[in-house]
Protein backbone atom coordinates (compact mmCIF):
# COMPACT_ATOMS: atom_id res chain seq x y z
CA MET A 1 0.00 0.00 0.00
CA LEU A 2 1.30 3.46 -0.91
CA LEU A 3 0.99 6.17 1.73
CA SER A 4 1.56 9.87 1.03
CA PHE A 5 3.10 12.04 3.73
CA LEU A 6 4.56 15.47 4.41
CA LYS A 7 7.84 16.20 6.13
CA MET A 8 7.57 19.44 8.14
CA GLN A 9 9.44 21.29 10.83
CA GLY A 10 8.62 23.94 13.39
CA THR A 11 11.65 25.63 14.96
CA GLY A 12 13.71 22.57 14.08
CA ASN A 13 11.29 20.11 15.72
CA ASP A 14 10.59 17.81 12.74
CA PHE A 15 7.59 15.70 11.87
CA MET A 16 6.26 13.15 9.44
CA ILE A 17 2.62 14.09 8.84
CA VAL A 18 -0.01 11.79 7.36
CA ASP A 19 -3.30 13.38 6.34
CA ALA A 20 -5.66 10.40 6.68
CA ARG A 21 -8.92 12.33 6.78
CA GLU A 22 -10.15 10.54 3.66
CA LEU A 23 -8.34 7.24 4.22
CA ALA A 24 -10.01 4.24 5.85
CA ILE A 25 -6.83 3.05 7.58
CA GLU A 26 -5.56 2.85 11.13
CA PRO A 27 -2.41 4.68 12.29
CA LEU A 28 0.91 2.92 11.88
CA THR A 29 2.04 0.36 14.44
CA ALA A 30 4.67 1.22 17.03
CA GLU A 31 7.20 -0.90 15.13
CA GLN A 32 6.45 0.92 11.86
CA VAL A 33 6.83 4.28 13.60
CA ARG A 34 10.19 3.29 15.06
CA ARG A 35 11.46 2.11 11.67
CA LEU A 36 10.31 5.25 9.86
CA ALA A 37 11.75 7.51 12.59
CA ASP A 38 15.24 6.12 11.93
CA ARG A 39 17.24 8.99 10.44
CA ARG A 40 19.49 6.68 8.40
CA ARG A 41 17.09 3.99 7.19
CA GLY A 42 13.73 5.74 7.36
CA VAL A 43 12.14 9.16 6.95
CA GLY A 44 13.62 10.47 10.20
CA PHE A 45 11.54 12.57 12.60
CA ASP A 46 10.88 13.50 16.23
CA GLN A 47 7.16 12.71 16.00
CA LEU A 48 4.64 11.23 13.57
CA LEU A 49 1.43 13.28 13.38
CA TRP A 50 -1.63 11.37 12.17
CA ILE A 51 -4.54 13.58 11.00
CA SER A 52 -7.99 12.01 10.87
CA ALA A 53 -11.53 13.28 10.37
CA ALA A 54 -13.01 15.59 12.98
CA ARG A 55 -14.61 13.84 15.96
CA ASP A 56 -16.49 16.85 17.34
CA ASP A 57 -18.68 19.55 15.84
CA GLY A 58 -16.84 22.83 15.48
CA THR A 59 -13.44 21.25 14.81
CA GLU A 60 -11.73 20.86 11.44
CA ALA A 61 -9.84 17.63 12.17
CA PHE A 62 -8.41 15.37 14.89
CA TYR A 63 -4.72 14.57 15.23
CA ARG A 64 -2.71 11.98 17.17
CA ILE A 65 0.99 12.16 18.11
CA PHE A 66 3.47 9.28 18.09
CA ASN A 67 7.02 9.69 19.39
CA ALA A 68 10.05 8.32 17.58
CA ASP A 69 10.06 5.34 19.98
CA GLY A 70 6.52 4.41 18.88
CA SER A 71 4.75 5.59 22.03
CA GLU A 72 1.62 7.72 21.68
CA VAL A 73 1.51 11.00 23.62
CA GLU A 74 -1.13 13.56 24.46
CA GLN A 75 0.08 16.82 22.93
CA CYS A 76 2.80 18.49 20.87
CA GLY A 77 2.85 22.27 20.51
CA ASN A 78 5.10 22.53 17.45
CA GLY A 79 3.30 19.58 15.89
CA ALA A 80 -0.04 21.29 16.46
CA ARG A 81 1.23 24.30 14.53
CA CYS A 82 2.24 22.07 11.61
CA VAL A 83 -1.14 20.29 11.63
CA ALA A 84 -2.85 23.69 11.66
CA TRP A 85 -0.81 24.73 8.61
CA VAL A 86 -1.88 21.58 6.73
CA ILE A 87 -5.54 22.15 7.55
CA GLY A 88 -5.21 25.83 6.74
CA GLN A 89 -3.93 24.98 3.25
CA ASP A 90 -6.77 22.58 2.52
CA GLY A 91 -10.14 22.52 4.15
CA ALA A 92 -10.31 25.24 6.80
CA SER A 93 -12.92 27.89 6.14
CA ASP A 94 -11.14 30.68 8.05
CA THR A 95 -7.76 31.69 9.44
CA VAL A 96 -9.07 30.92 12.95
CA PHE A 97 -10.36 27.42 13.66
CA ARG A 98 -10.28 24.52 16.13
CA LEU A 99 -8.57 21.13 16.16
CA GLY A 100 -9.19 18.07 18.27
CA SER A 101 -6.35 16.20 20.00
CA PRO A 102 -5.91 13.57 22.73
CA ALA A 103 -5.33 16.44 25.17
CA GLY A 104 -8.55 18.18 24.15
CA THR A 105 -9.67 20.86 21.69
CA ILE A 106 -7.29 23.69 20.78
CA ASP A 107 -7.81 26.99 18.97
CA VAL A 108 -5.40 27.93 16.18
CA GLN A 109 -4.79 31.11 14.22
CA MET A 110 -2.98 31.39 10.90
CA LEU A 111 -0.78 34.50 10.74
CA ASP A 112 1.42 36.05 8.05
CA ASP A 113 4.86 34.73 7.00
CA ASN A 114 4.04 31.08 7.85
CA LEU A 115 3.54 31.94 11.50
CA VAL A 116 0.95 29.91 13.37
CA ALA A 117 -0.42 30.59 16.86
CA VAL A 118 -1.99 27.79 18.87
CA CYS A 119 -3.87 28.00 22.15
CA MET A 120 -2.42 25.24 24.34
CA GLY A 121 -5.05 25.55 27.07
CA GLN A 122 -4.56 26.16 30.76
CA PRO A 123 -1.49 24.78 32.52
CA GLN A 124 -2.18 22.21 35.20
CA PHE A 125 -0.23 22.15 38.46
CA SER A 126 -2.07 19.54 40.51
CA PRO A 127 0.14 16.44 40.94
CA GLU A 128 -2.83 14.21 40.06
CA GLN A 129 -3.40 15.99 36.76
CA ILE A 130 0.25 15.99 35.60
CA PRO A 131 0.64 13.13 36.83
CA PHE A 132 3.41 13.48 39.44
CA VAL A 133 3.88 11.75 42.77
CA ALA A 134 3.73 14.38 45.53
CA GLU A 135 1.80 14.86 48.75
CA ALA A 136 0.67 18.37 47.80
CA GLU A 137 1.00 20.94 45.01
CA ALA A 138 4.04 23.23 45.19
CA PRO A 139 5.78 25.73 42.87
CA LEU A 140 9.02 23.73 43.14
CA TYR A 141 9.89 20.18 44.16
CA ASP A 142 13.11 18.50 45.24
CA ILE A 143 13.60 15.31 43.22
CA GLU A 144 16.26 12.78 44.21
CA VAL A 145 18.26 11.71 41.17
CA ALA A 146 21.42 9.58 41.17
CA GLY A 147 22.30 10.44 44.76
CA THR A 148 21.67 14.17 44.48
CA SER A 149 18.66 16.47 44.81
CA VAL A 150 17.38 18.41 41.78
CA THR A 151 15.00 21.35 42.28
CA ALA A 152 12.38 21.49 39.52
CA ALA A 153 8.99 22.91 38.61
CA VAL A 154 6.43 20.37 37.41
CA VAL A 155 3.53 21.29 35.12
CA SER A 156 1.25 19.73 32.55
CA MET A 157 0.63 21.38 29.19
CA GLY A 158 -1.52 18.45 28.10
CA ASN A 159 1.59 16.34 28.72
CA PRO A 160 3.93 16.18 31.75
CA HIS A 161 6.91 18.53 32.03
CA CYS A 162 9.76 18.86 34.49
CA VAL A 163 11.57 22.24 34.31
CA VAL A 164 15.03 22.71 35.81
CA GLN A 165 16.48 26.23 35.99
CA VAL A 166 20.17 26.58 35.10
CA ASP A 167 22.60 29.46 34.69
CA ASP A 168 23.62 28.56 31.13
CA VAL A 169 21.82 26.05 28.88
CA ARG A 170 25.05 25.40 26.99
CA GLN A 171 26.47 23.81 30.14
CA ALA A 172 23.25 22.11 31.25
CA PRO A 173 23.48 18.34 31.94
CA VAL A 174 20.76 17.55 29.39
CA ASN A 175 22.01 14.12 28.36
CA GLU A 176 22.96 13.13 31.92
CA LEU A 177 19.90 14.27 33.90
CA GLY A 178 17.37 14.27 31.06
CA PRO A 179 16.95 10.47 30.78
CA LYS A 180 16.96 10.02 34.57
CA LEU A 181 14.24 12.61 35.13
CA GLU A 182 12.22 11.40 32.12
CA GLN A 183 12.09 7.90 33.61
CA HIS A 184 11.92 8.96 37.28
CA PRO A 185 9.39 6.93 39.32
CA ARG A 186 7.69 10.13 40.48
CA PHE A 187 6.48 10.55 36.87
CA PRO A 188 4.15 7.57 36.27
CA GLN A 189 3.77 8.45 32.56
CA ARG A 190 7.37 9.67 32.18
CA SER A 191 8.16 13.34 31.59
CA ASN A 192 9.57 15.86 29.17
CA VAL A 193 12.54 17.59 30.82
CA GLY A 194 13.40 21.24 30.16
CA PHE A 195 16.60 23.05 31.13
CA MET A 196 15.87 26.80 31.27
CA ALA A 197 18.01 29.91 31.75
CA VAL A 198 16.26 33.26 32.34
CA ARG A 199 18.05 36.07 30.47
CA ASP A 200 15.65 38.90 31.37
CA ARG A 201 11.92 39.36 31.90
CA GLN A 202 11.13 38.87 28.20
CA ASN A 203 13.67 36.21 27.18
CA ILE A 204 14.69 32.71 28.20
CA ASP A 205 16.96 30.05 26.71
CA LEU A 206 15.78 26.44 26.71
CA ARG A 207 16.90 22.93 25.88
CA VAL A 208 14.47 20.01 26.13
CA PHE A 209 14.94 16.27 26.53
CA GLU A 210 11.67 14.99 25.11
CA ARG A 211 9.89 11.93 26.40
CA GLY A 212 10.37 9.04 23.98
CA VAL A 213 12.66 11.04 21.67
CA GLY A 214 15.70 12.48 23.46
CA GLU A 215 16.98 16.02 23.08
CA THR A 216 15.28 17.85 20.22
CA LEU A 217 15.95 21.18 18.53
CA ALA A 218 12.68 22.52 19.93
CA CYS A 219 9.64 21.55 22.00
CA GLY A 220 6.52 23.70 21.89
CA THR A 221 4.82 22.41 25.03
CA GLY A 222 8.25 22.49 26.70
CA ALA A 223 8.57 26.20 25.88
CA CYS A 224 5.11 26.81 27.35
CA ALA A 225 5.92 24.82 30.49
CA ALA A 226 9.20 26.68 31.05
CA VAL A 227 7.60 30.12 30.70
CA VAL A 228 4.73 29.18 33.00
CA ALA A 229 7.14 27.79 35.59
CA ALA A 230 9.25 30.96 35.62
CA GLN A 231 6.20 33.24 35.62
CA ARG A 232 4.90 31.48 38.74
CA GLN A 233 8.16 32.52 40.40
CA GLN A 234 7.65 36.16 39.29
CA GLN A 235 10.65 36.04 36.95
CA LEU A 236 8.96 36.81 33.59
CA ASP A 237 6.48 39.15 31.94
CA PRO A 238 3.30 37.81 30.27
CA GLU A 239 4.88 37.61 26.78
CA VAL A 240 8.24 35.84 26.46
CA ARG A 241 10.56 34.94 23.60
CA VAL A 242 11.98 31.44 24.02
CA THR A 243 15.27 30.67 22.27
CA LEU A 244 15.81 26.98 21.56
CA PRO A 245 18.59 25.25 19.58
CA GLY A 246 16.29 25.22 16.53
CA GLY A 247 15.10 28.82 16.69
CA GLN A 248 12.64 31.00 18.59
CA VAL A 249 8.98 30.88 19.61
CA VAL A 250 6.85 33.32 21.58
CA VAL A 251 4.83 32.15 24.58
CA SER A 252 2.06 34.31 26.08
CA TRP A 253 0.41 33.63 29.45
CA TYR A 254 -1.48 36.06 31.65
CA GLY A 255 -1.74 33.78 34.66
CA ASN A 256 -4.63 32.54 36.78
CA GLU A 257 -7.08 30.69 34.53
CA ALA A 258 -5.83 32.17 31.26
CA PRO A 259 -4.75 29.80 28.45
CA VAL A 260 -1.19 29.67 27.13
CA TRP A 261 -0.57 30.74 23.53
CA LEU A 262 2.38 29.48 21.47
CA THR A 263 3.44 31.30 18.28
CA GLY A 264 6.13 30.26 15.83
CA ASP A 265 6.94 29.48 12.21
CA VAL A 266 6.37 26.23 10.31
CA GLN A 267 7.95 24.95 7.11
CA LEU A 268 7.09 22.25 4.61
CA THR A 269 10.38 20.46 3.94
CA TYR A 270 9.22 17.97 1.31
CA GLU A 271 6.41 15.64 0.24
CA GLY A 272 6.88 11.91 -0.12
CA THR A 273 5.26 8.53 -0.69
CA LEU A 274 6.23 5.28 0.99
CA ASP A 275 5.25 1.66 0.38
CA LEU A 276 3.98 0.10 3.59
């Protein structure tokens, strides 16, 4: 069977996207995803995004997210922007519309110059909602890792995030602490791990070790989680530019029960067809 796909990237976070809205087929198996994610023998990507027909009235489509290791996850901010671009090119009736995802419905807005803004919903801090093992909610937690204690903020942006503040992201122990915190027993569903340095009230630097992928050039929900974590500590203004290895995104959050908005560029790299 031949399957058409798009290869896209948002701030260096790259995706294989299958638009299956008119196809009567199930998503690929975990083994197929792992083989296609191989950057030497397959397509190569951080996540596979599978677009299917809308499940709810008022939405244009539904999308699912599969990590490079084959695991399915709840949300992906940069991926959502790429899905929005695909729908915006074919089928959306306006520049503002809604998409369905495993983490719930999100609003998207198509802007000029291939910029896409997505509403990532309200951040969740309750340990039960993240999920995270803790007796009570707190702005920061001490997590024991490899014989030492790491202070981190923990938040859900539709998926679990652990945010560690550092002085310089270039020197951050991403590949040492990232896997340990991702797999830490206090995160029952594993975690994305961000290493954040605050430059000033409008700018942060960030590196992210993504759950099921490893370090990536960018992580949209990770950028949102980092900004929210630092804003809760009164370190940032409501609108913040996040610099990641793959480029920059803008995160806006006005606190309390306000939703988080993520804005950044997307790019179609190429189109392809593979024989399953």
